[in-house]
C-alpha atoms as a PDB file:
ATOM      1  CA  UNK A   1       0.385   3.745   9.596  1.00  0.00           C
ATOM      2  CA  UNK A   2       2.618   0.826   8.570  1.00  0.00           C
ATOM      3  CA  UNK A   3       0.622  -1.653  10.646  1.00  0.00           C
ATOM      4  CA  UNK A   4      -2.671  -0.371   9.253  1.00  0.00           C
ATOM      5  CA  UNK A   5      -1.319  -0.697   5.719  1.00  0.00           C
ATOM      6  CA  UNK A   6      -0.180  -4.267   6.422  1.00  0.00           C
ATOM      7  CA  UNK A   7      -3.724  -5.087   7.536  1.00  0.00           C
ATOM      8  CA  UNK A   8      -5.018  -3.743   4.225  1.00  0.00           C
ATOM      9  CA  UNK A   9      -2.428  -5.584   2.146  1.00  0.00           C
ATOM     10  CA  UNK A  10      -3.445  -9.009   3.470  1.00  0.00           C
ATOM     11  CA  UNK A  11      -6.998  -8.324   2.281  1.00  0.00           C
ATOM     12  CA  UNK A  12      -5.724  -8.170  -1.307  1.00  0.00           C
ATOM     13  CA  UNK A  13      -2.939 -10.738  -1.534  1.00  0.00           C
ATOM     14  CA  UNK A  14      -2.227 -14.056   0.129  1.00  0.00           C
ATOM     15  CA  UNK A  15       0.740 -13.161   2.332  1.00  0.00           C
ATOM     16  CA  UNK A  16       1.383 -13.353   6.043  1.00  0.00           C
ATOM     17  CA  UNK A  17       1.261  -9.897   7.634  1.00  0.00           C
ATOM     18  CA  UNK A  18       4.405 -10.707   9.621  1.00  0.00           C
ATOM     19  CA  UNK A  19       6.349 -11.199   6.391  1.00  0.00           C
ATOM     20  CA  UNK A  20       5.580  -7.667   5.129  1.00  0.00           C
ATOM     21  CA  UNK A  21       8.406  -5.181   5.637  1.00  0.00           C
ATOM     22  CA  UNK A  22       8.996  -1.590   4.612  1.00  0.00           C
ATOM     23  CA  UNK A  23      11.204  -2.983   1.812  1.00  0.00           C
ATOM     24  CA  UNK A  24       8.553  -5.374   0.471  1.00  0.00           C
ATOM     25  CA  UNK A  25       7.836  -4.646  -3.185  1.00  0.00           C
ATOM     26  CA  UNK A  26       4.158  -4.691  -4.107  1.00  0.00           C
ATOM     27  CA  UNK A  27       4.409  -6.594  -7.388  1.00  0.00           C
ATOM     28  CA  UNK A  28       7.551  -8.684  -7.008  1.00  0.00           C
ATOM     29  CA  UNK A  29       7.351  -9.659  -3.332  1.00  0.00           C
ATOM     30  CA  UNK A  30       3.669  -9.419  -2.458  1.00  0.00           C
ATOM     31  CA  UNK A  31       2.059 -10.402  -5.762  1.00  0.00           C
ATOM     32  CA  UNK A  32      -0.060  -7.316  -6.370  1.00  0.00           C
ATOM     33  CA  UNK A  33      -1.453  -6.642  -9.812  1.00  0.00           C
ATOM     34  CA  UNK A  34      -2.235  -3.092 -10.877  1.00  0.00           C
ATOM     35  CA  UNK A  35      -5.988  -3.441 -10.296  1.00  0.00           C
ATOM     36  CA  UNK A  36      -5.584  -4.676  -6.718  1.00  0.00           C
ATOM     37  CA  UNK A  37      -3.037  -1.958  -6.004  1.00  0.00           C
ATOM     38  CA  UNK A  38      -5.345   0.800  -7.231  1.00  0.00           C
ATOM     39  CA  UNK A  39      -8.243  -0.644  -5.213  1.00  0.00           C
ATOM     40  CA  UNK A  40      -6.044  -0.667  -2.123  1.00  0.00           C
ATOM     41  CA  UNK A  41      -5.163   3.004  -2.740  1.00  0.00           C
ATOM     42  CA  UNK A  42      -8.884   3.752  -2.586  1.00  0.00           C
ATOM     43  CA  UNK A  43      -9.028   1.992   0.771  1.00  0.00           C
ATOM     44  CA  UNK A  44      -6.053   4.096   1.909  1.00  0.00           C
ATOM     45  CA  UNK A  45      -7.981   7.248   1.073  1.00  0.00           C
ATOM     46  CA  UNK A  46     -10.868   6.108   3.262  1.00  0.00           C
ATOM     47  CA  UNK A  47      -8.728   4.724   6.082  1.00  0.00           C
ATOM     48  CA  UNK A  48      -6.342   7.666   6.387  1.00  0.00           C
ATOM     49  CA  UNK A  49      -8.720  10.433   5.213  1.00  0.00           C
ATOM     50  CA  UNK A  50      -6.367  11.617   2.467  1.00  0.00           C
ATOM     51  CA  UNK A  51      -6.670  12.212  -1.259  1.00  0.00           C
ATOM     52  CA  UNK A  52      -4.235  10.033  -3.142  1.00  0.00           C
ATOM     53  CA  UNK A  53      -2.829  11.168  -6.483  1.00  0.00           C
ATOM     54  CA  UNK A  54      -2.930   7.857  -8.363  1.00  0.00           C
ATOM     55  CA  UNK A  55      -0.283   8.974 -10.851  1.00  0.00           C
ATOM     56  CA  UNK A  56       2.135   9.568  -7.953  1.00  0.00           C
ATOM     57  CA  UNK A  57       1.089   6.686  -5.707  1.00  0.00           C
ATOM     58  CA  UNK A  58       1.082   4.304  -8.664  1.00  0.00           C
ATOM     59  CA  UNK A  59       4.841   4.748  -8.956  1.00  0.00           C
ATOM     60  CA  UNK A  60       5.501   3.652  -5.370  1.00  0.00           C
ATOM     61  CA  UNK A  61       7.172   0.254  -5.584  1.00  0.00           C
ATOM     62  CA  UNK A  62       7.689  -0.629  -1.910  1.00  0.00           C
ATOM     63  CA  UNK A  63       5.532  -0.569   1.184  1.00  0.00           C
ATOM     64  CA  UNK A  64       7.914   1.969   2.731  1.00  0.00           C
ATOM     65  CA  UNK A  65       7.621   4.331  -0.231  1.00  0.00           C
ATOM     66  CA  UNK A  66       3.832   4.235   0.021  1.00  0.00           C
ATOM     67  CA  UNK A  67       3.915   4.747   3.811  1.00  0.00           C
ATOM     68  CA  UNK A  68       6.165   7.788   3.369  1.00  0.00           C
ATOM     69  CA  UNK A  69       3.861   9.176   0.681  1.00  0.00           C
ATOM     70  CA  UNK A  70       0.708   8.655   2.770  1.00  0.00           C
ATOM     71  CA  UNK A  71       2.299  10.140   5.887  1.00  0.00           C
ATOM     72  CA  UNK A  72       3.172  13.211   3.815  1.00  0.00           C
ATOM     73  CA  UNK A  73      -0.501  13.621   2.941  1.00  0.00           C
ATOM     74  CA  UNK A  74      -1.815  13.201   6.472  1.00  0.00           C
END
């Protein structure tokens, strides 16, 4: 799931996929704004066939936190 999420992240922000780690922070390290992050969550719902609670997922600050959350839904 981490690799799939990295592929999605590079569609929203200008970062090299190889530089994304589980500890990468969406806003501070990757340059996400809230709109892009919420759009990416919609893509996660489609990609992983889950229903994301935006109020919970919106509080995830790192890639690892979001991966853990999504894996818990799958």
